[in-house]
Amino acid sequence: MRTVPAPQTLRAIAEEAARTVAPDLLAVFRAPMTISTKRDAHDVVTLHDRAAEEAITTVLTAAVPGSVVLGEEGGTTGDTGTTGSTADPVVRWIVDPIDG
């Protein structure tokens, strides 16, 4: 059986993940950048969105093996469990690093 970390531990892990990407995001804050759209002109994405989500996902899944991450840019990633579904992860993280 998988063990779920205590809430205060999960919070510390989430804070660590956010701090991991903070320097890179601060460096490009309000800087000119190329954007693309996903569904329409109101749904923009940058390489910084994708890079931050990927880095956060790496921290979360390394810190809590068995986690599943639902990211705005990358979809669902992480341990899909023994059944091949994401119905029973240890923790399900939802990540939208820049505007979420």
C-alpha atoms as a PDB file:
ATOM      1  CA  MET A   1       0.000   0.000   0.000  1.00  0.00           C
ATOM      2  CA  ARG A   2       1.269   3.473  -0.854  1.00  0.00           C
ATOM      3  CA  THR A   3       1.738   5.993   1.942  1.00  0.00           C
ATOM      4  CA  VAL A   4       0.437   9.533   1.507  1.00  0.00           C
ATOM      5  CA  PRO A   5       2.758  12.153   3.028  1.00  0.00           C
ATOM      6  CA  ALA A   6       1.354  14.454   5.700  1.00  0.00           C
ATOM      7  CA  PRO A   7      -0.286  17.678   4.462  1.00  0.00           C
ATOM      8  CA  GLN A   8       2.544  19.839   5.824  1.00  0.00           C
ATOM      9  CA  THR A   9       5.042  17.689   3.917  1.00  0.00           C
ATOM     10  CA  LEU A  10       3.042  18.031   0.699  1.00  0.00           C
ATOM     11  CA  ARG A  11       2.938  21.785   1.185  1.00  0.00           C
ATOM     12  CA  ALA A  12       6.711  21.926   1.657  1.00  0.00           C
ATOM     13  CA  ILE A  13       7.211  19.873  -1.509  1.00  0.00           C
ATOM     14  CA  ALA A  14       4.904  22.174  -3.483  1.00  0.00           C
ATOM     15  CA  GLU A  15       6.779  25.218  -2.176  1.00  0.00           C
ATOM     16  CA  GLU A  16      10.109  23.649  -3.149  1.00  0.00           C
ATOM     17  CA  ALA A  17       8.789  22.997  -6.654  1.00  0.00           C
ATOM     18  CA  ALA A  18       7.645  26.615  -6.992  1.00  0.00           C
ATOM     19  CA  ARG A  19      10.970  27.925  -5.701  1.00  0.00           C
ATOM     20  CA  THR A  20      12.807  25.735  -8.202  1.00  0.00           C
ATOM     21  CA  VAL A  21      11.303  27.610 -11.157  1.00  0.00           C
ATOM     22  CA  ALA A  22      11.099  31.064  -9.567  1.00  0.00           C
ATOM     23  CA  PRO A  23      14.550  32.357 -10.644  1.00  0.00           C
ATOM     24  CA  ASP A  24      13.966  31.483 -14.302  1.00  0.00           C
ATOM     25  CA  LEU A  25      10.483  32.990 -14.305  1.00  0.00           C
ATOM     26  CA  LEU A  26      11.612  36.166 -12.554  1.00  0.00           C
ATOM     27  CA  ALA A  27      14.386  36.571 -15.119  1.00  0.00           C
ATOM     28  CA  VAL A  28      11.861  36.734 -17.977  1.00  0.00           C
ATOM     29  CA  PHE A  29       9.120  38.641 -16.158  1.00  0.00           C
ATOM     30  CA  ARG A  30       7.780  41.371 -18.476  1.00  0.00           C
ATOM     31  CA  ALA A  31      10.409  40.544 -21.072  1.00  0.00           C
ATOM     32  CA  PRO A  32       9.452  40.278 -24.728  1.00  0.00           C
ATOM     33  CA  MET A  33       8.739  36.673 -25.688  1.00  0.00           C
ATOM     34  CA  THR A  34       7.212  34.563 -28.364  1.00  0.00           C
ATOM     35  CA  ILE A  35       3.798  33.178 -27.555  1.00  0.00           C
ATOM     36  CA  SER A  36       1.636  30.612 -29.236  1.00  0.00           C
ATOM     37  CA  THR A  37      -1.990  29.752 -28.718  1.00  0.00           C
ATOM     38  CA  LYS A  38      -3.621  26.477 -27.814  1.00  0.00           C
ATOM     39  CA  ARG A  39      -7.341  26.788 -28.534  1.00  0.00           C
ATOM     40  CA  ASP A  40      -7.820  30.457 -29.338  1.00  0.00           C
ATOM     41  CA  ALA A  41      -6.246  33.897 -28.912  1.00  0.00           C
ATOM     42  CA  HIS A  42      -7.216  33.932 -25.230  1.00  0.00           C
ATOM     43  CA  ASP A  43      -5.401  30.676 -24.469  1.00  0.00           C
ATOM     44  CA  VAL A  44      -1.729  31.568 -24.843  1.00  0.00           C
ATOM     45  CA  VAL A  45       1.329  29.515 -23.958  1.00  0.00           C
ATOM     46  CA  THR A  46       5.035  30.309 -23.896  1.00  0.00           C
ATOM     47  CA  LEU A  47       8.136  28.174 -23.669  1.00  0.00           C
ATOM     48  CA  HIS A  48       8.357  29.394 -20.076  1.00  0.00           C
ATOM     49  CA  ASP A  49       4.946  27.873 -19.272  1.00  0.00           C
ATOM     50  CA  ARG A  50       6.099  24.534 -20.606  1.00  0.00           C
ATOM     51  CA  ALA A  51       9.563  24.616 -19.008  1.00  0.00           C
ATOM     52  CA  ALA A  52       8.198  25.619 -15.598  1.00  0.00           C
ATOM     53  CA  GLU A  53       5.558  22.903 -15.666  1.00  0.00           C
ATOM     54  CA  GLU A  54       8.124  20.289 -16.638  1.00  0.00           C
ATOM     55  CA  ALA A  55      10.516  21.322 -13.856  1.00  0.00           C
ATOM     56  CA  ILE A  56       7.734  21.399 -11.258  1.00  0.00           C
ATOM     57  CA  THR A  57       6.519  17.977 -12.371  1.00  0.00           C
ATOM     58  CA  THR A  58      10.036  16.588 -11.988  1.00  0.00           C
ATOM     59  CA  VAL A  59      10.315  17.886  -8.417  1.00  0.00           C
ATOM     60  CA  LEU A  60       6.857  16.649  -7.398  1.00  0.00           C
ATOM     61  CA  THR A  61       7.170  13.150  -8.821  1.00  0.00           C
ATOM     62  CA  ALA A  62      10.689  12.707  -7.425  1.00  0.00           C
ATOM     63  CA  ALA A  63       9.611  13.814  -3.955  1.00  0.00           C
ATOM     64  CA  VAL A  64       6.421  11.747  -3.903  1.00  0.00           C
ATOM     65  CA  PRO A  65       6.838   8.562  -5.936  1.00  0.00           C
ATOM     66  CA  GLY A  66       3.502   7.345  -7.201  1.00  0.00           C
ATOM     67  CA  SER A  67       2.236  10.870  -7.834  1.00  0.00           C
ATOM     68  CA  VAL A  68       0.312  11.884 -10.912  1.00  0.00           C
ATOM     69  CA  VAL A  69       0.565  15.437 -12.204  1.00  0.00           C
ATOM     70  CA  LEU A  70      -2.156  17.057 -14.267  1.00  0.00           C
ATOM     71  CA  GLY A  71      -0.537  20.004 -15.997  1.00  0.00           C
ATOM     72  CA  GLU A  72      -2.200  22.637 -18.130  1.00  0.00           C
ATOM     73  CA  GLU A  73       0.429  22.264 -20.845  1.00  0.00           C
ATOM     74  CA  GLY A  74       1.575  18.659 -20.580  1.00  0.00           C
ATOM     75  CA  GLY A  75      -1.552  16.776 -19.619  1.00  0.00           C
ATOM     76  CA  THR A  76      -1.298  13.898 -17.171  1.00  0.00           C
ATOM     77  CA  THR A  77       2.131  12.535 -16.290  1.00  0.00           C
ATOM     78  CA  GLY A  78       3.618  10.418 -13.542  1.00  0.00           C
ATOM     79  CA  ASP A  79       3.028   7.001 -12.069  1.00  0.00           C
ATOM     80  CA  THR A  80      -0.097   5.470 -13.526  1.00  0.00           C
ATOM     81  CA  GLY A  81      -0.215   2.750 -10.913  1.00  0.00           C
ATOM     82  CA  THR A  82      -0.301  -0.995 -11.364  1.00  0.00           C
ATOM     83  CA  THR A  83      -3.623  -0.997 -13.164  1.00  0.00           C
ATOM     84  CA  GLY A  84      -2.457   1.376 -15.903  1.00  0.00           C
ATOM     85  CA  SER A  85      -4.951   4.028 -14.861  1.00  0.00           C
ATOM     86  CA  THR A  86      -4.488   7.228 -12.907  1.00  0.00           C
ATOM     87  CA  ALA A  87      -7.430   6.445 -10.622  1.00  0.00           C
ATOM     88  CA  ASP A  88      -5.348   5.599  -7.566  1.00  0.00           C
ATOM     89  CA  PRO A  89      -2.193   7.734  -7.386  1.00  0.00           C
ATOM     90  CA  VAL A  90      -0.574   8.494  -4.045  1.00  0.00           C
ATOM     91  CA  VAL A  91      -1.135  12.187  -4.719  1.00  0.00           C
ATOM     92  CA  ARG A  92      -2.685  13.965  -7.670  1.00  0.00           C
ATOM     93  CA  TRP A  93      -1.062  17.355  -8.256  1.00  0.00           C
ATOM     94  CA  ILE A  94      -2.613  20.028 -10.487  1.00  0.00           C
ATOM     95  CA  VAL A  95      -0.023  22.339 -12.002  1.00  0.00           C
ATOM     96  CA  ASP A  96      -0.540  25.636 -13.828  1.00  0.00           C
ATOM     97  CA  PRO A  97       2.665  27.455 -12.891  1.00  0.00           C
ATOM     98  CA  ILE A  98       2.352  30.872 -14.432  1.00  0.00           C
ATOM     99  CA  ASP A  99      -1.245  31.976 -14.391  1.00  0.00           C
ATOM    100  CA  GLY A 100      -2.849  29.319 -12.216  1.00  0.00           C
END
